[in-house]
Amino acid sequence: MAGYDKETGPSLYYVDYIATLHKVDKGAFGYGSYFALSMMDRHYHSGMSVEEAIDLVDKCIMEIKLRLCVAPQNYVIKIVDKDGAREYAWRQSVTDAGVIPA
């Protein structure tokens, strides 16, 4: 969950499998989260610009596509800030260019 409050600013929360709420700086969920979180641990820093954050999300998506055989086909990047929640961009998987049709 993500939100913005005038007094506390932006907040991101993770709800685990036993419904415990955790406040976090960065997050991902699902099978791909194991790969995405390791990328975030390496590249995330507080105070990132939107462009830096989107670049990091793109790196996470590429890592998931590379390493997870059941990776989703499409990804939606959303931004939550003082102006509310909005869809920022779509990312779609590209079929393997190196595969020659039979």
PDB file of N, CA and C in Angstrom:
ATOM      1  N   MET A   1       0.845  -1.162   0.000  1.00  0.00           N
ATOM      2  CA  MET A   1       0.000   0.000   0.000  1.00  0.00           C
ATOM      3  C   MET A   1       0.894   1.230   0.000  1.00  0.00           C
ATOM      4  N   ALA A   2       0.439   2.238  -0.696  1.00  0.00           N
ATOM      5  CA  ALA A   2       1.202   3.479  -0.755  1.00  0.00           C
ATOM      6  C   ALA A   2       0.251   4.653  -0.587  1.00  0.00           C
ATOM      7  N   GLY A   3       0.752   5.724  -0.020  1.00  0.00           N
ATOM      8  CA  GLY A   3      -0.072   6.910   0.151  1.00  0.00           C
ATOM      9  C   GLY A   3       0.772   8.122   0.472  1.00  0.00           C
ATOM     10  N   TYR A   4       0.101   9.240   0.574  1.00  0.00           N
ATOM     11  CA  TYR A   4       0.772  10.502   0.876  1.00  0.00           C
ATOM     12  C   TYR A   4      -0.068  11.263   1.883  1.00  0.00           C
ATOM     13  N   ASP A   5       0.590  11.775   2.917  1.00  0.00           N
ATOM     14  CA  ASP A   5      -0.061  12.553   3.959  1.00  0.00           C
ATOM     15  C   ASP A   5       0.662  13.891   4.064  1.00  0.00           C
ATOM     16  N   LYS A   6      -0.091  14.978   4.219  1.00  0.00           N
ATOM     17  CA  LYS A   6       0.522  16.309   4.291  1.00  0.00           C
ATOM     18  C   LYS A   6       1.503  16.434   5.449  1.00  0.00           C
ATOM     19  N   GLU A   7       1.242  15.742   6.548  1.00  0.00           N
ATOM     20  CA  GLU A   7       2.105  15.856   7.724  1.00  0.00           C
ATOM     21  C   GLU A   7       3.323  14.931   7.670  1.00  0.00           C
ATOM     22  N   THR A   8       3.136  13.710   7.184  1.00  0.00           N
ATOM     23  CA  THR A   8       4.239  12.738   7.200  1.00  0.00           C
ATOM     24  C   THR A   8       4.888  12.518   5.844  1.00  0.00           C
ATOM     25  N   GLY A   9       4.258  13.002   4.773  1.00  0.00           N
ATOM     26  CA  GLY A   9       4.816  12.813   3.433  1.00  0.00           C
ATOM     27  C   GLY A   9       4.447  11.460   2.859  1.00  0.00           C
ATOM     28  N   PRO A  10       5.258  10.952   1.921  1.00  0.00           N
ATOM     29  CA  PRO A  10       4.949   9.673   1.277  1.00  0.00           C
ATOM     30  C   PRO A  10       5.210   8.491   2.207  1.00  0.00           C
ATOM     31  N   SER A  11       4.396   7.450   2.051  1.00  0.00           N
ATOM     32  CA  SER A  11       4.560   6.238   2.851  1.00  0.00           C
ATOM     33  C   SER A  11       4.302   5.020   1.982  1.00  0.00           C
ATOM     34  N   LEU A  12       5.044   3.959   2.250  1.00  0.00           N
ATOM     35  CA  LEU A  12       4.866   2.687   1.565  1.00  0.00           C
ATOM     36  C   LEU A  12       4.790   1.603   2.628  1.00  0.00           C
ATOM     37  N   TYR A  13       3.806   0.729   2.499  1.00  0.00           N
ATOM     38  CA  TYR A  13       3.605  -0.346   3.465  1.00  0.00           C
ATOM     39  C   TYR A  13       3.518  -1.682   2.750  1.00  0.00           C
ATOM     40  N   TYR A  14       3.967  -2.726   3.435  1.00  0.00           N
ATOM     41  CA  TYR A  14       3.902  -4.091   2.934  1.00  0.00           C
ATOM     42  C   TYR A  14       3.063  -4.897   3.918  1.00  0.00           C
ATOM     43  N   VAL A  15       2.122  -5.670   3.404  1.00  0.00           N
ATOM     44  CA  VAL A  15       1.313  -6.557   4.240  1.00  0.00           C
ATOM     45  C   VAL A  15       1.788  -7.977   3.962  1.00  0.00           C
ATOM     46  N   ASP A  16       2.304  -8.661   4.992  1.00  0.00           N
ATOM     47  CA  ASP A  16       2.841 -10.003   4.773  1.00  0.00           C
ATOM     48  C   ASP A  16       1.737 -11.063   4.795  1.00  0.00           C
ATOM     49  N   TYR A  17       2.134 -12.318   4.670  1.00  0.00           N
ATOM     50  CA  TYR A  17       1.182 -13.418   4.531  1.00  0.00           C
ATOM     51  C   TYR A  17       0.335 -13.667   5.779  1.00  0.00           C
ATOM     52  N   ILE A  18       0.712 -13.120   6.921  1.00  0.00           N
ATOM     53  CA  ILE A  18      -0.132 -13.239   8.114  1.00  0.00           C
ATOM     54  C   ILE A  18      -0.787 -11.898   8.461  1.00  0.00           C
ATOM     55  N   ALA A  19      -0.875 -11.030   7.474  1.00  0.00           N
ATOM     56  CA  ALA A  19      -1.576  -9.743   7.565  1.00  0.00           C
ATOM     57  C   ALA A  19      -0.928  -8.756   8.534  1.00  0.00           C
ATOM     58  N   THR A  20       0.385  -8.836   8.689  1.00  0.00           N
ATOM     59  CA  THR A  20       1.119  -7.872   9.496  1.00  0.00           C
ATOM     60  C   THR A  20       1.571  -6.731   8.590  1.00  0.00           C
ATOM     61  N   LEU A  21       1.340  -5.509   9.048  1.00  0.00           N
ATOM     62  CA  LEU A  21       1.672  -4.325   8.264  1.00  0.00           C
ATOM     63  C   LEU A  21       3.082  -3.848   8.609  1.00  0.00           C
ATOM     64  N   HIS A  22       3.906  -3.630   7.584  1.00  0.00           N
ATOM     65  CA  HIS A  22       5.277  -3.165   7.768  1.00  0.00           C
ATOM     66  C   HIS A  22       5.484  -1.896   6.949  1.00  0.00           C
ATOM     67  N   LYS A  23       6.043  -0.847   7.545  1.00  0.00           N
ATOM     68  CA  LYS A  23       6.414   0.340   6.782  1.00  0.00           C
ATOM     69  C   LYS A  23       7.783   0.081   6.162  1.00  0.00           C
ATOM     70  N   VAL A  24       7.894   0.318   4.847  1.00  0.00           N
ATOM     71  CA  VAL A  24       9.130   0.023   4.120  1.00  0.00           C
ATOM     72  C   VAL A  24       9.522   1.203   3.240  1.00  0.00           C
ATOM     73  N   ASP A  25      10.789   1.242   2.833  1.00  0.00           N
ATOM     74  CA  ASP A  25      11.274   2.271   1.909  1.00  0.00           C
ATOM     75  C   ASP A  25      11.102   1.852   0.456  1.00  0.00           C
ATOM     76  N   LYS A  26      11.143   0.535   0.221  1.00  0.00           N
ATOM     77  CA  LYS A  26      11.037  -0.022  -1.125  1.00  0.00           C
ATOM     78  C   LYS A  26      10.331  -1.363  -1.011  1.00  0.00           C
ATOM     79  N   GLY A  27       9.726  -1.822  -2.100  1.00  0.00           N
ATOM     80  CA  GLY A  27       9.031  -3.088  -1.992  1.00  0.00           C
ATOM     81  C   GLY A  27       8.697  -3.715  -3.324  1.00  0.00           C
ATOM     82  N   ALA A  28       8.476  -5.017  -3.289  1.00  0.00           N
ATOM     83  CA  ALA A  28       8.037  -5.804  -4.435  1.00  0.00           C
ATOM     84  C   ALA A  28       7.333  -7.029  -3.863  1.00  0.00           C
ATOM     85  N   PHE A  29       6.469  -7.650  -4.657  1.00  0.00           N
ATOM     86  CA  PHE A  29       5.809  -8.854  -4.174  1.00  0.00           C
ATOM     87  C   PHE A  29       5.703  -9.868  -5.299  1.00  0.00           C
ATOM     88  N   GLY A  30       5.417 -11.105  -4.930  1.00  0.00           N
ATOM     89  CA  GLY A  30       5.323 -12.185  -5.905  1.00  0.00           C
ATOM     90  C   GLY A  30       6.661 -12.873  -6.086  1.00  0.00           C
ATOM     91  N   TYR A  31       6.678 -13.860  -6.991  1.00  0.00           N
ATOM     92  CA  TYR A  31       7.906 -14.624  -7.227  1.00  0.00           C
ATOM     93  C   TYR A  31       9.062 -13.732  -7.677  1.00  0.00           C
ATOM     94  N   GLY A  32       8.775 -12.743  -8.484  1.00  0.00           N
ATOM     95  CA  GLY A  32       9.816 -11.848  -8.984  1.00  0.00           C
ATOM     96  C   GLY A  32      10.421 -10.953  -7.922  1.00  0.00           C
ATOM     97  N   SER A  33       9.762 -10.865  -6.770  1.00  0.00           N
ATOM     98  CA  SER A  33      10.260  -9.967  -5.725  1.00  0.00           C
ATOM     99  C   SER A  33      11.643 -10.368  -5.226  1.00  0.00           C
ATOM    100  N   TYR A  34      11.963 -11.653  -5.278  1.00  0.00           N
ATOM    101  CA  TYR A  34      13.286 -12.091  -4.817  1.00  0.00           C
ATOM    102  C   TYR A  34      14.390 -11.454  -5.659  1.00  0.00           C
ATOM    103  N   PHE A  35      14.138 -11.325  -6.952  1.00  0.00           N
ATOM    104  CA  PHE A  35      15.116 -10.713  -7.846  1.00  0.00           C
ATOM    105  C   PHE A  35      15.050  -9.190  -7.767  1.00  0.00           C
ATOM    106  N   ALA A  36      13.831  -8.651  -7.710  1.00  0.00           N
ATOM    107  CA  ALA A  36      13.655  -7.194  -7.672  1.00  0.00           C
ATOM    108  C   ALA A  36      14.218  -6.600  -6.385  1.00  0.00           C
ATOM    109  N   LEU A  37      13.963  -7.234  -5.256  1.00  0.00           N
ATOM    110  CA  LEU A  37      14.439  -6.685  -3.987  1.00  0.00           C
ATOM    111  C   LEU A  37      15.962  -6.689  -3.904  1.00  0.00           C
ATOM    112  N   SER A  38      16.605  -7.693  -4.494  1.00  0.00           N
ATOM    113  CA  SER A  38      18.075  -7.686  -4.471  1.00  0.00           C
ATOM    114  C   SER A  38      18.618  -6.538  -5.320  1.00  0.00           C
ATOM    115  N   MET A  39      17.946  -6.235  -6.442  1.00  0.00           N
ATOM    116  CA  MET A  39      18.343  -5.078  -7.256  1.00  0.00           C
ATOM    117  C   MET A  39      18.110  -3.780  -6.479  1.00  0.00           C
ATOM    118  N   MET A  40      16.983  -3.704  -5.783  1.00  0.00           N
ATOM    119  CA  MET A  40      16.675  -2.501  -5.005  1.00  0.00           C
ATOM    120  C   MET A  40      17.663  -2.320  -3.864  1.00  0.00           C
ATOM    121  N   ASP A  41      18.045  -3.420  -3.214  1.00  0.00           N
ATOM    122  CA  ASP A  41      19.033  -3.319  -2.137  1.00  0.00           C
ATOM    123  C   ASP A  41      20.340  -2.721  -2.648  1.00  0.00           C
ATOM    124  N   ARG A  42      20.701  -3.049  -3.867  1.00  0.00           N
ATOM    125  CA  ARG A  42      21.955  -2.565  -4.439  1.00  0.00           C
ATOM    126  C   ARG A  42      21.855  -1.120  -4.921  1.00  0.00           C
ATOM    127  N   HIS A  43      20.719  -0.742  -5.540  1.00  0.00           N
ATOM    128  CA  HIS A  43      20.655   0.538  -6.249  1.00  0.00           C
ATOM    129  C   HIS A  43      19.768   1.611  -5.613  1.00  0.00           C
ATOM    130  N   TYR A  44      18.900   1.246  -4.673  1.00  0.00           N
ATOM    131  CA  TYR A  44      17.981   2.227  -4.082  1.00  0.00           C
ATOM    132  C   TYR A  44      18.720   3.163  -3.125  1.00  0.00           C
ATOM    133  N   HIS A  45      18.322   4.430  -3.125  1.00  0.00           N
ATOM    134  CA  HIS A  45      18.762   5.362  -2.087  1.00  0.00           C
ATOM    135  C   HIS A  45      17.626   6.349  -1.844  1.00  0.00           C
ATOM    136  N   SER A  46      17.521   6.845  -0.631  1.00  0.00           N
ATOM    137  CA  SER A  46      16.444   7.786  -0.317  1.00  0.00           C
ATOM    138  C   SER A  46      16.662   9.082  -1.093  1.00  0.00           C
ATOM    139  N   GLY A  47      15.585   9.734  -1.423  1.00  0.00           N
ATOM    140  CA  GLY A  47      15.673  10.983  -2.160  1.00  0.00           C
ATOM    141  C   GLY A  47      15.854  10.807  -3.657  1.00  0.00           C
ATOM    142  N   MET A  48      15.569   9.609  -4.173  1.00  0.00           N
ATOM    143  CA  MET A  48      15.707   9.374  -5.620  1.00  0.00           C
ATOM    144  C   MET A  48      14.727  10.247  -6.387  1.00  0.00           C
ATOM    145  N   SER A  49      15.141  10.709  -7.554  1.00  0.00           N
ATOM    146  CA  SER A  49      14.230  11.440  -8.436  1.00  0.00           C
ATOM    147  C   SER A  49      13.295  10.428  -9.102  1.00  0.00           C
ATOM    148  N   VAL A  50      12.224  10.913  -9.707  1.00  0.00           N
ATOM    149  CA  VAL A  50      11.301  10.030 -10.422  1.00  0.00           C
ATOM    150  C   VAL A  50      12.055   9.286 -11.521  1.00  0.00           C
ATOM    151  N   GLU A  51      12.926   9.979 -12.237  1.00  0.00           N
ATOM    152  CA  GLU A  51      13.682   9.353 -13.321  1.00  0.00           C
ATOM    153  C   GLU A  51      14.582   8.233 -12.796  1.00  0.00           C
ATOM    154  N   GLU A  52      15.248   8.473 -11.661  1.00  0.00           N
ATOM    155  CA  GLU A  52      16.097   7.437 -11.067  1.00  0.00           C
ATOM    156  C   GLU A  52      15.262   6.242 -10.623  1.00  0.00           C
ATOM    157  N   ALA A  53      14.110   6.513 -10.031  1.00  0.00           N
ATOM    158  CA  ALA A  53      13.236   5.436  -9.564  1.00  0.00           C
ATOM    159  C   ALA A  53      12.713   4.607 -10.735  1.00  0.00           C
ATOM    160  N   ILE A  54      12.307   5.263 -11.815  1.00  0.00           N
ATOM    161  CA  ILE A  54      11.818   4.543 -12.994  1.00  0.00           C
ATOM    162  C   ILE A  54      12.940   3.710 -13.603  1.00  0.00           C
ATOM    163  N   ASP A  55      14.148   4.250 -13.639  1.00  0.00           N
ATOM    164  CA  ASP A  55      15.295   3.494 -14.144  1.00  0.00           C
ATOM    165  C   ASP A  55      15.525   2.242 -13.299  1.00  0.00           C
ATOM    166  N   LEU A  56      15.398   2.369 -11.982  1.00  0.00           N
ATOM    167  CA  LEU A  56      15.558   1.220 -11.095  1.00  0.00           C
ATOM    168  C   LEU A  56      14.447   0.196 -11.330  1.00  0.00           C
ATOM    169  N   VAL A  57      13.217   0.657 -11.490  1.00  0.00           N
ATOM    170  CA  VAL A  57      12.105  -0.261 -11.774  1.00  0.00           C
ATOM    171  C   VAL A  57      12.367  -0.999 -13.085  1.00  0.00           C
ATOM    172  N   ASP A  58      12.839  -0.295 -14.092  1.00  0.00           N
ATOM    173  CA  ASP A  58      13.173  -0.943 -15.367  1.00  0.00           C
ATOM    174  C   ASP A  58      14.265  -2.001 -15.184  1.00  0.00           C
ATOM    175  N   LYS A  59      15.269  -1.715 -14.356  1.00  0.00           N
ATOM    176  CA  LYS A  59      16.311  -2.709 -14.074  1.00  0.00           C
ATOM    177  C   LYS A  59      15.716  -3.933 -13.392  1.00  0.00           C
ATOM    178  N   CYS A  60      14.795  -3.702 -12.463  1.00  0.00           N
ATOM    179  CA  CYS A  60      14.136  -4.813 -11.770  1.00  0.00           C
ATOM    180  C   CYS A  60      13.332  -5.660 -12.750  1.00  0.00           C
ATOM    181  N   ILE A  61      12.594  -5.012 -13.638  1.00  0.00           N
ATOM    182  CA  ILE A  61      11.796  -5.736 -14.637  1.00  0.00           C
ATOM    183  C   ILE A  61      12.704  -6.570 -15.534  1.00  0.00           C
ATOM    184  N   MET A  62      13.805  -6.001 -15.979  1.00  0.00           N
ATOM    185  CA  MET A  62      14.733  -6.745 -16.840  1.00  0.00           C
ATOM    186  C   MET A  62      15.328  -7.944 -16.099  1.00  0.00           C
ATOM    187  N   GLU A  63      15.640  -7.774 -14.833  1.00  0.00           N
ATOM    188  CA  GLU A  63      16.187  -8.878 -14.036  1.00  0.00           C
ATOM    189  C   GLU A  63      15.152  -9.990 -13.882  1.00  0.00           C
ATOM    190  N   ILE A  64      13.908  -9.616 -13.639  1.00  0.00           N
ATOM    191  CA  ILE A  64      12.836 -10.606 -13.516  1.00  0.00           C
ATOM    192  C   ILE A  64      12.649 -11.350 -14.834  1.00  0.00           C
ATOM    193  N   LYS A  65      12.611 -10.621 -15.945  1.00  0.00           N
ATOM    194  CA  LYS A  65      12.449 -11.259 -17.259  1.00  0.00           C
ATOM    195  C   LYS A  65      13.597 -12.219 -17.556  1.00  0.00           C
ATOM    196  N   LEU A  66      14.799 -11.856 -17.148  1.00  0.00           N
ATOM    197  CA  LEU A  66      15.981 -12.662 -17.409  1.00  0.00           C
ATOM    198  C   LEU A  66      16.013 -13.929 -16.558  1.00  0.00           C
ATOM    199  N   ARG A  67      15.592 -13.831 -15.309  1.00  0.00           N
ATOM    200  CA  ARG A  67      15.838 -14.918 -14.364  1.00  0.00           C
ATOM    201  C   ARG A  67      14.620 -15.728 -13.957  1.00  0.00           C
ATOM    202  N   LEU A  68      13.418 -15.249 -14.243  1.00  0.00           N
ATOM    203  CA  LEU A  68      12.212 -15.944 -13.785  1.00  0.00           C
ATOM    204  C   LEU A  68      11.473 -16.534 -14.980  1.00  0.00           C
ATOM    205  N   CYS A  69      11.395 -17.853 -15.031  1.00  0.00           N
ATOM    206  CA  CYS A  69      10.796 -18.500 -16.206  1.00  0.00           C
ATOM    207  C   CYS A  69       9.288 -18.262 -16.296  1.00  0.00           C
ATOM    208  N   VAL A  70       8.643 -17.887 -15.222  1.00  0.00           N
ATOM    209  CA  VAL A  70       7.201 -17.603 -15.243  1.00  0.00           C
ATOM    210  C   VAL A  70       6.942 -16.106 -15.074  1.00  0.00           C
ATOM    211  N   ALA A  71       7.839 -15.287 -15.609  1.00  0.00           N
ATOM    212  CA  ALA A  71       7.713 -13.829 -15.480  1.00  0.00           C
ATOM    213  C   ALA A  71       6.455 -13.337 -16.191  1.00  0.00           C
ATOM    214  N   PRO A  72       5.771 -12.367 -15.598  1.00  0.00           N
ATOM    215  CA  PRO A  72       4.585 -11.795 -16.251  1.00  0.00           C
ATOM    216  C   PRO A  72       4.939 -11.167 -17.598  1.00  0.00           C
ATOM    217  N   GLN A  73       3.964 -11.092 -18.482  1.00  0.00           N
ATOM    218  CA  GLN A  73       4.165 -10.493 -19.804  1.00  0.00           C
ATOM    219  C   GLN A  73       4.209  -8.970 -19.748  1.00  0.00           C
ATOM    220  N   ASN A  74       3.386  -8.381 -18.887  1.00  0.00           N
ATOM    221  CA  ASN A  74       3.234  -6.927 -18.867  1.00  0.00           C
ATOM    222  C   ASN A  74       3.412  -6.381 -17.455  1.00  0.00           C
ATOM    223  N   TYR A  75       3.862  -5.140 -17.381  1.00  0.00           N
ATOM    224  CA  TYR A  75       4.093  -4.460 -16.109  1.00  0.00           C
ATOM    225  C   TYR A  75       3.512  -3.058 -16.199  1.00  0.00           C
ATOM    226  N   VAL A  76       2.917  -2.596 -15.109  1.00  0.00           N
ATOM    227  CA  VAL A  76       2.394  -1.238 -15.037  1.00  0.00           C
ATOM    228  C   VAL A  76       3.166  -0.517 -13.941  1.00  0.00           C
ATOM    229  N   ILE A  77       3.737   0.628 -14.268  1.00  0.00           N
ATOM    230  CA  ILE A  77       4.459   1.438 -13.287  1.00  0.00           C
ATOM    231  C   ILE A  77       3.530   2.565 -12.864  1.00  0.00           C
ATOM    232  N   LYS A  78       3.310   2.679 -11.554  1.00  0.00           N
ATOM    233  CA  LYS A  78       2.441   3.731 -11.025  1.00  0.00           C
ATOM    234  C   LYS A  78       3.232   4.594 -10.058  1.00  0.00           C
ATOM    235  N   ILE A  79       2.821   5.837  -9.962  1.00  0.00           N
ATOM    236  CA  ILE A  79       3.443   6.788  -9.041  1.00  0.00           C
ATOM    237  C   ILE A  79       2.383   7.242  -8.051  1.00  0.00           C
ATOM    238  N   VAL A  80       2.751   7.265  -6.772  1.00  0.00           N
ATOM    239  CA  VAL A  80       1.884   7.800  -5.722  1.00  0.00           C
ATOM    240  C   VAL A  80       2.647   8.936  -5.068  1.00  0.00           C
ATOM    241  N   ASP A  81       2.056  10.136  -5.100  1.00  0.00           N
ATOM    242  CA  ASP A  81       2.692  11.301  -4.490  1.00  0.00           C
ATOM    243  C   ASP A  81       1.618  12.258  -3.987  1.00  0.00           C
ATOM    244  N   LYS A  82       2.006  13.483  -3.678  1.00  0.00           N
ATOM    245  CA  LYS A  82       1.071  14.466  -3.126  1.00  0.00           C
ATOM    246  C   LYS A  82      -0.086  14.766  -4.062  1.00  0.00           C
ATOM    247  N   ASP A  83       0.073  14.472  -5.346  1.00  0.00           N
ATOM    248  CA  ASP A  83      -0.986  14.711  -6.329  1.00  0.00           C
ATOM    249  C   ASP A  83      -1.907  13.510  -6.506  1.00  0.00           C
ATOM    250  N   GLY A  84      -1.673  12.436  -5.766  1.00  0.00           N
ATOM    251  CA  GLY A  84      -2.503  11.238  -5.859  1.00  0.00           C
ATOM    252  C   GLY A  84      -1.768  10.094  -6.536  1.00  0.00           C
ATOM    253  N   ALA A  85      -2.528   9.100  -6.973  1.00  0.00           N
ATOM    254  CA  ALA A  85      -1.963   7.936  -7.656  1.00  0.00           C
ATOM    255  C   ALA A  85      -2.237   8.056  -9.146  1.00  0.00           C
ATOM    256  N   ARG A  86      -1.233   7.704  -9.946  1.00  0.00           N
ATOM    257  CA  ARG A  86      -1.428   7.759 -11.394  1.00  0.00           C
ATOM    258  C   ARG A  86      -0.571   6.692 -12.068  1.00  0.00           C
ATOM    259  N   GLU A  87      -1.070   6.254 -13.206  1.00  0.00           N
ATOM    260  CA  GLU A  87      -0.329   5.309 -14.022  1.00  0.00           C
ATOM    261  C   GLU A  87       0.757   6.082 -14.751  1.00  0.00           C
ATOM    262  N   TYR A  88       1.989   5.612 -14.660  1.00  0.00           N
ATOM    263  CA  TYR A  88       3.108   6.318 -15.278  1.00  0.00           C
ATOM    264  C   TYR A  88       3.483   5.711 -16.626  1.00  0.00           C
ATOM    265  N   ALA A  89       3.619   4.394 -16.658  1.00  0.00           N
ATOM    266  CA  ALA A  89       4.075   3.753 -17.894  1.00  0.00           C
ATOM    267  C   ALA A  89       3.720   2.275 -17.892  1.00  0.00           C
ATOM    268  N   TRP A  90       3.663   1.712 -19.083  1.00  0.00           N
ATOM    269  CA  TRP A  90       3.496   0.273 -19.286  1.00  0.00           C
ATOM    270  C   TRP A  90       4.809  -0.283 -19.809  1.00  0.00           C
ATOM    271  N   ARG A  91       5.129  -1.478 -19.401  1.00  0.00           N
ATOM    272  CA  ARG A  91       6.277  -2.185 -19.960  1.00  0.00           C
ATOM    273  C   ARG A  91       5.759  -3.532 -20.450  1.00  0.00           C
ATOM    274  N   GLN A  92       6.087  -3.888 -21.679  1.00  0.00           N
ATOM    275  CA  GLN A  92       5.645  -5.155 -22.251  1.00  0.00           C
ATOM    276  C   GLN A  92       6.844  -6.008 -22.607  1.00  0.00           C
ATOM    277  N   SER A  93       6.669  -7.315 -22.447  1.00  0.00           N
ATOM    278  CA  SER A  93       7.723  -8.245 -22.833  1.00  0.00           C
ATOM    279  C   SER A  93       7.817  -8.315 -24.342  1.00  0.00           C
ATOM    280  N   VAL A  94       9.003  -8.505 -24.809  1.00  0.00           N
ATOM    281  CA  VAL A  94       9.247  -8.659 -26.237  1.00  0.00           C
ATOM    282  C   VAL A  94       9.585 -10.125 -26.478  1.00  0.00           C
ATOM    283  N   THR A  95       9.023 -10.712 -27.523  1.00  0.00           N
ATOM    284  CA  THR A  95       9.329 -12.113 -27.810  1.00  0.00           C
ATOM    285  C   THR A  95      10.801 -12.258 -28.152  1.00  0.00           C
ATOM    286  N   ASP A  96      11.315 -13.441 -27.957  1.00  0.00           N
ATOM    287  CA  ASP A  96      12.735 -13.691 -28.209  1.00  0.00           C
ATOM    288  C   ASP A  96      13.074 -13.450 -29.671  1.00  0.00           C
ATOM    289  N   ALA A  97      13.935 -12.502 -29.940  1.00  0.00           N
ATOM    290  CA  ALA A  97      14.316 -12.164 -31.312  1.00  0.00           C
ATOM    291  C   ALA A  97      15.209 -13.238 -31.924  1.00  0.00           C
ATOM    292  N   GLY A  98      15.928 -13.987 -31.076  1.00  0.00           N
ATOM    293  CA  GLY A  98      16.863 -14.979 -31.592  1.00  0.00           C
ATOM    294  C   GLY A  98      16.226 -16.302 -31.974  1.00  0.00           C
ATOM    295  N   VAL A  99      14.949 -16.483 -31.716  1.00  0.00           N
ATOM    296  CA  VAL A  99      14.287 -17.750 -32.016  1.00  0.00           C
ATOM    297  C   VAL A  99      13.852 -17.757 -33.475  1.00  0.00           C
ATOM    298  N   ILE A 100      14.278 -18.769 -34.201  1.00  0.00           N
ATOM    299  CA  ILE A 100      13.912 -18.895 -35.617  1.00  0.00           C
ATOM    300  C   ILE A 100      12.666 -19.764 -35.712  1.00  0.00           C
ATOM    301  N   PRO A 101      11.609 -19.267 -36.395  1.00  0.00           N
ATOM    302  CA  PRO A 101      10.386 -20.062 -36.499  1.00  0.00           C
ATOM    303  C   PRO A 101      10.636 -21.380 -37.229  1.00  0.00           C
ATOM    304  N   ALA A 102       9.926 -22.423 -36.825  1.00  0.00           N
ATOM    305  CA  ALA A 102      10.094 -23.763 -37.428  1.00  0.00           C
ATOM    306  C   ALA A 102       9.436 -23.860 -38.772  1.00  0.00           C
TER     307      ALA A 102
END
